[in-house]
C-alpha cells in the first residue's frame, strides 16, 4: 500500500499542477463537487491524513483547507511521505470522523488520491493512469471500502465493468464512476 500511495500522490500532484484557473468551476465525475470544491475537500482531507499518519493530536481549531491546486498537490506528497514511516500503519489514529486503525486511514487516503485524482484529471481533460500494481491496490481498497462508502454516500451504485477491463477501470466502476466520463 505504501508504494501505491507514493505513486498516486505523485500522479495526483502532477494532475493538480495542470489545473488552470479557468477549470475551477467545471463539473467533475464526483457530482457533488466542482473542481474548486473538490480541491477544497482534498485540501482538508490530505493535511488531516498527514497528521493522522504521524499520530499527532488534532488542533484545537481546524486549519483552513488548502484550495490552490499546486498546494493541494504538495499536500498529497506530504501525506504519502508521512505514511512511509514504518510505524505509521501501526495501531489506531484520529482521522476523518474519529479514531480508526491506522491502516484503514491509509487505505482511505489511497482511495481519495486515486478516485478524486481521476475526478480532477477528467474535469481538467488530462490523463490519469496509475501503474498496474498501484491500480490493483486501488481496486482491492475500493472493494474493501465499497459497502461502507455506499452506505455513507461516498460511492454511487457499482457500475458494470467488462471482465477484461484494467484494474483501475474496475475500481472506478466499483466506486460508481463511469470510466468513460467526459466534461
C-alpha atoms as a PDB file:
ATOM      1  CA  UNK A   1       0.000   0.000   0.000  1.00  0.00           C
ATOM      2  CA  UNK A   2       2.781   2.454   0.832  1.00  0.00           C
ATOM      3  CA  UNK A   3       4.331   2.191  -2.643  1.00  0.00           C
ATOM      4  CA  UNK A   4       0.934   2.770  -4.248  1.00  0.00           C
ATOM      5  CA  UNK A   5       0.348   5.802  -2.004  1.00  0.00           C
ATOM      6  CA  UNK A   6       3.605   7.368  -3.172  1.00  0.00           C
ATOM      7  CA  UNK A   7       2.846   6.704  -6.840  1.00  0.00           C
ATOM      8  CA  UNK A   8      -0.695   8.037  -6.548  1.00  0.00           C
ATOM      9  CA  UNK A   9       0.417  11.141  -4.650  1.00  0.00           C
ATOM     10  CA  UNK A  10       2.897  11.949  -7.407  1.00  0.00           C
ATOM     11  CA  UNK A  11       0.287  11.364 -10.107  1.00  0.00           C
ATOM     12  CA  UNK A  12      -2.192  13.480  -8.117  1.00  0.00           C
ATOM     13  CA  UNK A  13       0.314  16.332  -7.671  1.00  0.00           C
ATOM     14  CA  UNK A  14       1.196  16.257 -11.365  1.00  0.00           C
ATOM     15  CA  UNK A  15      -2.518  16.456 -12.176  1.00  0.00           C
ATOM     16  CA  UNK A  16      -3.276  19.336  -9.830  1.00  0.00           C
ATOM     17  CA  UNK A  17      -0.307  21.282 -11.209  1.00  0.00           C
ATOM     18  CA  UNK A  18      -2.023  21.219 -14.607  1.00  0.00           C
ATOM     19  CA  UNK A  19      -5.341  22.676 -13.381  1.00  0.00           C
ATOM     20  CA  UNK A  20      -5.871  26.210 -14.635  1.00  0.00           C
ATOM     21  CA  UNK A  21      -7.996  28.952 -13.041  1.00  0.00           C
ATOM     22  CA  UNK A  22     -10.463  28.620 -15.938  1.00  0.00           C
ATOM     23  CA  UNK A  23     -11.118  24.990 -14.963  1.00  0.00           C
ATOM     24  CA  UNK A  24     -12.017  25.593 -11.311  1.00  0.00           C
ATOM     25  CA  UNK A  25     -15.764  25.825 -11.859  1.00  0.00           C
ATOM     26  CA  UNK A  26     -16.004  22.780 -14.120  1.00  0.00           C
ATOM     27  CA  UNK A  27     -18.075  19.792 -13.009  1.00  0.00           C
ATOM     28  CA  UNK A  28     -16.299  16.590 -12.000  1.00  0.00           C
ATOM     29  CA  UNK A  29     -17.391  12.954 -12.188  1.00  0.00           C
ATOM     30  CA  UNK A  30     -17.967  13.274  -8.425  1.00  0.00           C
ATOM     31  CA  UNK A  31     -21.327  15.000  -8.905  1.00  0.00           C
ATOM     32  CA  UNK A  32     -21.309  16.746  -5.527  1.00  0.00           C
ATOM     33  CA  UNK A  33     -18.178  18.735  -6.413  1.00  0.00           C
ATOM     34  CA  UNK A  34     -16.847  21.189  -8.956  1.00  0.00           C
ATOM     35  CA  UNK A  35     -13.064  21.218  -9.419  1.00  0.00           C
ATOM     36  CA  UNK A  36     -12.798  24.077  -6.890  1.00  0.00           C
ATOM     37  CA  UNK A  37     -14.967  22.264  -4.327  1.00  0.00           C
ATOM     38  CA  UNK A  38     -13.096  19.003  -4.769  1.00  0.00           C
ATOM     39  CA  UNK A  39      -9.762  20.766  -4.258  1.00  0.00           C
ATOM     40  CA  UNK A  40     -11.133  22.321  -1.046  1.00  0.00           C
ATOM     41  CA  UNK A  41     -12.337  18.893   0.133  1.00  0.00           C
ATOM     42  CA  UNK A  42      -8.946  17.337  -0.522  1.00  0.00           C
ATOM     43  CA  UNK A  43      -7.201  20.395   0.886  1.00  0.00           C
ATOM     44  CA  UNK A  44      -8.747  19.453   4.230  1.00  0.00           C
ATOM     45  CA  UNK A  45      -8.509  15.654   3.986  1.00  0.00           C
ATOM     46  CA  UNK A  46      -4.862  15.406   2.924  1.00  0.00           C
ATOM     47  CA  UNK A  47      -3.369  17.528   5.742  1.00  0.00           C
ATOM     48  CA  UNK A  48      -5.562  15.539   8.152  1.00  0.00           C
ATOM     49  CA  UNK A  49      -4.151  12.335   6.674  1.00  0.00           C
ATOM     50  CA  UNK A  50      -0.584  13.568   7.138  1.00  0.00           C
ATOM     51  CA  UNK A  51      -1.353  14.417  10.774  1.00  0.00           C
ATOM     52  CA  UNK A  52      -3.021  11.014  11.256  1.00  0.00           C
ATOM     53  CA  UNK A  53      -0.005   9.169   9.838  1.00  0.00           C
ATOM     54  CA  UNK A  54       2.216  10.930  12.368  1.00  0.00           C
ATOM     55  CA  UNK A  55      -0.387  10.163  15.073  1.00  0.00           C
ATOM     56  CA  UNK A  56      -0.455  13.787  16.142  1.00  0.00           C
ATOM     57  CA  UNK A  57      -3.394  15.213  18.085  1.00  0.00           C
ATOM     58  CA  UNK A  58      -5.971  17.258  16.262  1.00  0.00           C
ATOM     59  CA  UNK A  59      -5.504  21.010  16.588  1.00  0.00           C
ATOM     60  CA  UNK A  60      -7.982  22.866  18.792  1.00  0.00           C
ATOM     61  CA  UNK A  61      -9.255  24.753  15.749  1.00  0.00           C
ATOM     62  CA  UNK A  62      -9.093  23.168  12.317  1.00  0.00           C
ATOM     63  CA  UNK A  63      -6.823  24.875   9.833  1.00  0.00           C
ATOM     64  CA  UNK A  64      -8.356  26.420   6.736  1.00  0.00           C
ATOM     65  CA  UNK A  65      -8.458  23.927   3.891  1.00  0.00           C
ATOM     66  CA  UNK A  66      -5.958  24.374   1.098  1.00  0.00           C
ATOM     67  CA  UNK A  67      -7.623  25.346  -2.155  1.00  0.00           C
ATOM     68  CA  UNK A  68      -4.845  26.307  -4.584  1.00  0.00           C
ATOM     69  CA  UNK A  69      -4.222  23.333  -6.926  1.00  0.00           C
ATOM     70  CA  UNK A  70      -0.430  23.152  -6.518  1.00  0.00           C
ATOM     71  CA  UNK A  71      -0.704  23.461  -2.716  1.00  0.00           C
ATOM     72  CA  UNK A  72      -3.221  20.602  -2.613  1.00  0.00           C
ATOM     73  CA  UNK A  73      -0.871  18.515  -4.772  1.00  0.00           C
ATOM     74  CA  UNK A  74       2.048  19.207  -2.443  1.00  0.00           C
ATOM     75  CA  UNK A  75      -0.160  18.212   0.483  1.00  0.00           C
ATOM     76  CA  UNK A  76      -0.730  14.858  -1.236  1.00  0.00           C
ATOM     77  CA  UNK A  77       3.025  14.318  -1.439  1.00  0.00           C
ATOM     78  CA  UNK A  78       3.451  15.167   2.255  1.00  0.00           C
ATOM     79  CA  UNK A  79       0.625  12.841   3.287  1.00  0.00           C
ATOM     80  CA  UNK A  80       2.061   9.955   1.246  1.00  0.00           C
ATOM     81  CA  UNK A  81       5.524  10.576   2.707  1.00  0.00           C
ATOM     82  CA  UNK A  82       4.069  10.527   6.222  1.00  0.00           C
ATOM     83  CA  UNK A  83       2.549   7.092   5.583  1.00  0.00           C
ATOM     84  CA  UNK A  84       6.026   5.782   4.622  1.00  0.00           C
ATOM     85  CA  UNK A  85       7.230   5.968   8.234  1.00  0.00           C
ATOM     86  CA  UNK A  86       7.406   2.321   9.391  1.00  0.00           C
ATOM     87  CA  UNK A  87       5.194   2.893  12.456  1.00  0.00           C
ATOM     88  CA  UNK A  88       2.560   4.899  10.550  1.00  0.00           C
ATOM     89  CA  UNK A  89       0.395   1.842   9.859  1.00  0.00           C
ATOM     90  CA  UNK A  90       0.567   0.577  13.454  1.00  0.00           C
ATOM     91  CA  UNK A  91      -2.223   0.994  15.978  1.00  0.00           C
ATOM     92  CA  UNK A  92      -5.043   3.485  15.822  1.00  0.00           C
ATOM     93  CA  UNK A  93      -5.151   7.130  14.797  1.00  0.00           C
ATOM     94  CA  UNK A  94      -7.621  10.016  14.607  1.00  0.00           C
ATOM     95  CA  UNK A  95      -8.726  10.627  11.033  1.00  0.00           C
ATOM     96  CA  UNK A  96     -11.891  11.903   9.413  1.00  0.00           C
ATOM     97  CA  UNK A  97     -14.852  11.054  11.609  1.00  0.00           C
ATOM     98  CA  UNK A  98     -12.840   9.695  14.540  1.00  0.00           C
ATOM     99  CA  UNK A  99     -10.466   7.032  15.757  1.00  0.00           C
ATOM    100  CA  UNK A 100      -9.738   4.145  13.407  1.00  0.00           C
ATOM    101  CA  UNK A 101      -7.000   1.644  12.633  1.00  0.00           C
ATOM    102  CA  UNK A 102      -4.087   3.478  11.024  1.00  0.00           C
ATOM    103  CA  UNK A 103      -4.020   1.018   8.121  1.00  0.00           C
ATOM    104  CA  UNK A 104      -7.647   1.867   7.383  1.00  0.00           C
ATOM    105  CA  UNK A 105      -6.838   5.603   7.430  1.00  0.00           C
ATOM    106  CA  UNK A 106      -4.039   4.955   4.918  1.00  0.00           C
ATOM    107  CA  UNK A 107      -6.468   2.987   2.726  1.00  0.00           C
ATOM    108  CA  UNK A 108      -8.959   5.859   2.810  1.00  0.00           C
ATOM    109  CA  UNK A 109      -6.170   8.250   1.799  1.00  0.00           C
ATOM    110  CA  UNK A 110      -5.173   5.968  -1.065  1.00  0.00           C
ATOM    111  CA  UNK A 111      -8.687   5.841  -2.481  1.00  0.00           C
ATOM    112  CA  UNK A 112      -9.075   9.626  -2.054  1.00  0.00           C
ATOM    113  CA  UNK A 113      -5.922  10.185  -4.127  1.00  0.00           C
ATOM    114  CA  UNK A 114      -6.881   7.604  -6.725  1.00  0.00           C
ATOM    115  CA  UNK A 115     -10.560   8.356  -7.234  1.00  0.00           C
ATOM    116  CA  UNK A 116     -10.572  12.104  -6.669  1.00  0.00           C
ATOM    117  CA  UNK A 117      -7.308  12.453  -8.576  1.00  0.00           C
ATOM    118  CA  UNK A 118      -9.064  10.804 -11.511  1.00  0.00           C
ATOM    119  CA  UNK A 119     -12.104  13.065 -10.985  1.00  0.00           C
ATOM    120  CA  UNK A 120      -9.883  16.156 -11.196  1.00  0.00           C
ATOM    121  CA  UNK A 121      -7.989  14.822 -14.197  1.00  0.00           C
ATOM    122  CA  UNK A 122     -11.173  14.079 -16.126  1.00  0.00           C
ATOM    123  CA  UNK A 123     -12.578  17.515 -15.367  1.00  0.00           C
ATOM    124  CA  UNK A 124      -9.316  19.144 -16.486  1.00  0.00           C
ATOM    125  CA  UNK A 125      -9.013  16.945 -19.570  1.00  0.00           C
ATOM    126  CA  UNK A 126      -5.702  15.344 -18.589  1.00  0.00           C
ATOM    127  CA  UNK A 127      -4.649  11.702 -18.362  1.00  0.00           C
ATOM    128  CA  UNK A 128      -4.628   9.882 -15.032  1.00  0.00           C
ATOM    129  CA  UNK A 129      -3.151   6.422 -15.435  1.00  0.00           C
ATOM    130  CA  UNK A 130      -1.745   4.658 -12.375  1.00  0.00           C
ATOM    131  CA  UNK A 131       0.694   1.797 -12.915  1.00  0.00           C
ATOM    132  CA  UNK A 132      -0.728  -1.711 -12.853  1.00  0.00           C
ATOM    133  CA  UNK A 133       0.486  -2.582  -9.333  1.00  0.00           C
ATOM    134  CA  UNK A 134      -0.956   0.649  -7.902  1.00  0.00           C
ATOM    135  CA  UNK A 135      -4.190   0.065  -9.836  1.00  0.00           C
ATOM    136  CA  UNK A 136      -4.501  -3.431  -8.344  1.00  0.00           C
ATOM    137  CA  UNK A 137      -4.022  -1.930  -4.867  1.00  0.00           C
ATOM    138  CA  UNK A 138      -6.680   0.702  -5.593  1.00  0.00           C
ATOM    139  CA  UNK A 139      -9.104  -1.986  -6.761  1.00  0.00           C
ATOM    140  CA  UNK A 140      -8.549  -4.015  -3.581  1.00  0.00           C
ATOM    141  CA  UNK A 141      -9.070  -0.920  -1.393  1.00  0.00           C
ATOM    142  CA  UNK A 142     -12.190   0.201  -3.291  1.00  0.00           C
ATOM    143  CA  UNK A 143     -13.661  -3.289  -2.948  1.00  0.00           C
ATOM    144  CA  UNK A 144     -12.810  -3.254   0.776  1.00  0.00           C
ATOM    145  CA  UNK A 145     -14.446   0.147   1.322  1.00  0.00           C
ATOM    146  CA  UNK A 146     -17.353  -0.144  -1.136  1.00  0.00           C
ATOM    147  CA  UNK A 147     -20.131  -1.271   1.196  1.00  0.00           C
ATOM    148  CA  UNK A 148     -19.329   1.340   3.841  1.00  0.00           C
ATOM    149  CA  UNK A 149     -18.741   4.061   1.212  1.00  0.00           C
ATOM    150  CA  UNK A 150     -22.070   3.355  -0.488  1.00  0.00           C
ATOM    151  CA  UNK A 151     -23.853   3.450   2.874  1.00  0.00           C
ATOM    152  CA  UNK A 152     -22.460   6.916   3.678  1.00  0.00           C
ATOM    153  CA  UNK A 153     -22.984   8.263   0.146  1.00  0.00           C
ATOM    154  CA  UNK A 154     -19.311   8.457  -0.814  1.00  0.00           C
ATOM    155  CA  UNK A 155     -19.737   5.927  -3.633  1.00  0.00           C
ATOM    156  CA  UNK A 156     -22.605   5.562  -6.029  1.00  0.00           C
ATOM    157  CA  UNK A 157     -24.070   2.227  -7.089  1.00  0.00           C
ATOM    158  CA  UNK A 158     -21.470  -0.003  -8.705  1.00  0.00           C
ATOM    159  CA  UNK A 159     -21.430   0.156 -12.485  1.00  0.00           C
ATOM    160  CA  UNK A 160     -20.784  -2.863 -14.688  1.00  0.00           C
ATOM    161  CA  UNK A 161     -17.256  -3.255 -15.996  1.00  0.00           C
ATOM    162  CA  UNK A 162     -16.204  -5.789 -18.615  1.00  0.00           C
ATOM    163  CA  UNK A 163     -14.238  -8.666 -17.101  1.00  0.00           C
ATOM    164  CA  UNK A 164     -11.251  -7.768 -19.263  1.00  0.00           C
ATOM    165  CA  UNK A 165     -11.174  -4.139 -18.049  1.00  0.00           C
ATOM    166  CA  UNK A 166      -7.992  -2.847 -16.474  1.00  0.00           C
ATOM    167  CA  UNK A 167      -7.878  -2.898 -12.679  1.00  0.00           C
ATOM    168  CA  UNK A 168      -8.212   0.884 -12.374  1.00  0.00           C
ATOM    169  CA  UNK A 169     -11.288   0.934 -14.634  1.00  0.00           C
ATOM    170  CA  UNK A 170     -12.835  -1.809 -12.468  1.00  0.00           C
ATOM    171  CA  UNK A 171     -12.064   0.255  -9.360  1.00  0.00           C
ATOM    172  CA  UNK A 172     -13.719   3.321 -10.900  1.00  0.00           C
ATOM    173  CA  UNK A 173     -16.804   1.289 -11.828  1.00  0.00           C
ATOM    174  CA  UNK A 174     -16.927  -0.319  -8.367  1.00  0.00           C
ATOM    175  CA  UNK A 175     -16.972   3.177  -6.829  1.00  0.00           C
ATOM    176  CA  UNK A 176     -19.902   4.181  -9.049  1.00  0.00           C
ATOM    177  CA  UNK A 177     -17.826   6.174 -11.533  1.00  0.00           C
ATOM    178  CA  UNK A 178     -18.190   5.837 -15.280  1.00  0.00           C
ATOM    179  CA  UNK A 179     -14.653   5.286 -16.656  1.00  0.00           C
ATOM    180  CA  UNK A 180     -15.785   6.961 -19.884  1.00  0.00           C
ATOM    181  CA  UNK A 181     -16.974  10.180 -18.196  1.00  0.00           C
ATOM    182  CA  UNK A 182     -16.076  13.365 -20.059  1.00  0.00           C
ATOM    183  CA  UNK A 183     -16.663  17.013 -19.138  1.00  0.00           C
END
